[in-house]
Protein backbone atom coordinates (compact mmCIF):
# COMPACT_ATOMS: atom_id res chain seq x y z
CA MET A 1 6.05 45.24 -10.21
CA SER A 2 3.20 43.00 -9.22
CA ILE A 3 3.62 39.30 -8.54
CA ASP A 4 0.43 38.40 -9.79
CA GLY A 5 0.92 35.23 -11.98
CA ILE A 6 1.42 31.48 -12.14
CA TRP A 7 4.51 30.24 -10.35
CA THR A 8 6.13 26.77 -9.79
CA GLY A 9 7.57 26.09 -6.15
CA GLU A 10 10.35 24.16 -4.64
CA VAL A 11 11.40 23.64 -1.07
CA TYR A 12 14.97 22.84 -0.09
CA GLY A 13 14.98 19.47 1.67
CA PRO A 14 17.35 16.66 2.56
CA TRP A 15 18.04 15.77 -1.10
CA GLY A 16 18.08 19.29 -2.45
CA TRP A 17 15.42 21.33 -4.15
CA GLU A 18 12.16 19.55 -4.40
CA SER A 19 9.18 20.28 -6.58
CA ARG A 20 6.18 21.57 -4.38
CA GLY A 21 3.50 22.24 -7.24
CA ILE A 22 1.91 25.29 -8.65
CA PHE A 23 0.82 28.56 -7.08
CA VAL A 24 -1.57 31.40 -8.54
CA PHE A 25 -0.93 34.72 -7.06
CA GLU A 26 -3.55 37.24 -7.76
CA LYS A 27 -4.62 40.58 -6.08
CA GLY A 28 -3.39 39.54 -2.47
CA ARG A 29 -4.97 35.91 -2.60
CA VAL A 30 -2.70 32.92 -3.20
CA VAL A 31 -3.89 29.29 -4.14
CA GLY A 32 -1.96 26.22 -5.33
CA GLY A 33 -1.00 22.85 -4.49
CA ASP A 34 0.46 19.57 -5.81
CA ASN A 35 -0.39 15.71 -5.91
CA LYS A 36 -0.58 15.64 -2.07
CA GLN A 37 -1.57 19.12 -0.59
CA TYR A 38 -3.47 22.29 -1.42
CA THR A 39 -2.41 25.61 -0.15
CA MET A 40 -4.60 28.81 0.21
CA GLY A 41 -3.74 32.11 1.73
CA SER A 42 -3.21 35.85 1.34
CA TYR A 43 -0.13 37.90 0.68
CA LYS A 44 1.11 41.69 0.70
CA GLU A 45 3.80 43.32 -1.51
CA SER A 46 6.23 46.16 -0.50
CA GLY A 47 8.78 46.79 -3.07
CA ASP A 48 10.59 43.59 -3.62
CA ARG A 49 9.37 41.98 -0.50
CA VAL A 50 6.50 39.67 -0.09
CA THR A 51 4.74 38.45 3.33
CA GLY A 52 1.89 36.38 3.57
CA GLU A 53 0.00 33.79 5.62
CA LEU A 54 -0.89 30.48 4.15
CA LYS A 55 -2.88 27.32 5.18
CA ILE A 56 -1.58 23.99 3.80
CA HIS A 57 -3.87 21.12 3.86
CA TYR A 58 -2.88 17.43 3.10
CA TYR A 59 -5.31 15.10 1.64
CA GLY A 60 -4.43 11.33 1.99
CA PRO A 61 -1.98 10.57 4.27
CA PRO A 62 -0.50 13.56 6.13
CA GLY A 63 2.65 15.09 4.98
CA ALA A 64 5.87 15.28 7.04
CA LEU A 65 6.09 19.08 6.77
CA PHE A 66 8.55 20.49 9.45
CA GLY A 67 9.44 17.13 10.63
CA GLU A 68 6.02 15.91 11.78
CA ARG A 69 2.87 14.61 10.18
CA LYS A 70 -0.02 16.98 10.24
CA VAL A 71 -3.13 17.25 8.05
CA GLU A 72 -3.30 21.04 8.38
CA SER A 73 -0.55 23.70 8.93
CA VAL A 74 -0.62 27.52 9.06
CA VAL A 75 2.53 29.06 8.01
CA GLN A 76 3.98 32.62 7.27
CA LEU A 77 5.54 33.54 4.10
CA GLU A 78 8.62 35.81 3.71
CA ALA A 79 10.33 36.51 0.37
CA THR A 80 12.35 38.71 -1.94
CA VAL A 81 11.48 39.01 -5.51
CA ALA A 82 14.13 39.41 -8.27
CA GLY A 83 12.64 39.21 -11.77
CA ASP A 84 10.88 36.01 -12.12
CA MET A 85 12.38 34.52 -9.19
CA MET A 86 10.92 34.71 -5.58
CA GLU A 87 12.98 33.20 -2.71
CA GLY A 88 12.52 33.24 0.99
CA LEU A 89 11.33 31.25 4.01
CA VAL A 90 8.16 29.40 4.96
CA ILE A 91 7.84 29.83 8.88
CA ARG A 92 5.64 28.09 11.13
CA PRO A 93 4.97 30.49 14.07
CA ASP A 94 4.76 27.66 16.71
CA LYS A 95 7.98 26.14 15.50
CA PRO A 96 10.07 28.95 14.76
CA SER A 97 13.32 26.84 14.64
CA SER A 98 12.23 24.74 11.61
CA ASP A 99 11.98 27.42 8.78
CA LEU A 100 11.86 25.96 5.34
CA HIS A 101 13.94 27.74 2.55
CA TYR A 102 11.69 27.81 -0.76
CA ARG A 103 11.85 29.45 -4.21
CA LEU A 104 9.25 30.16 -6.84
CA HIS A 105 9.60 30.68 -10.50
CA ARG A 106 7.21 32.77 -12.49
CA ARG A 107 5.76 30.93 -15.50
CA THR A 108 3.56 33.44 -16.66
CA ASP A 109 1.64 36.57 -15.55
CA LEU A 110 -2.29 36.41 -15.53
CA GLN A 111 -2.90 39.69 -17.41
CA ASN A 112 -1.75 38.45 -20.84
CA HIS A 113 -4.34 35.57 -20.56
CA LEU A 114 -7.43 37.43 -19.62
CA SER A 115 -9.99 38.51 -21.92
CA PRO A 116 -10.36 42.30 -22.58
CA GLU A 117 -13.56 42.43 -20.53
CA ALA A 118 -11.88 41.02 -17.42
CA ARG A 119 -8.84 43.31 -17.44
């Protein structure tokens, strides 16, 4: 099953699950963001596993991702998909002890919203 679609994301932080915006997965590419950051990257699927590499860029004041304020971070994505839920870790290779737990919820797939010519 393809994960292509529109997903909403959450990261587990000190106050529980916090919203982290919307993400579009399509044919190996992911883009998304929220009111403080945008994310771009690529992913691969293998069965119910998803791996990828993402670049997170903060605009305005830098975000405190991984306990430090940076304008840009490169992270790795590891997840398991079960139905309309994707759950896993965001890993910063240069800070392996600071993994973040995240989950995404599929809101819709993309195929249902494309014109017949685009399918």
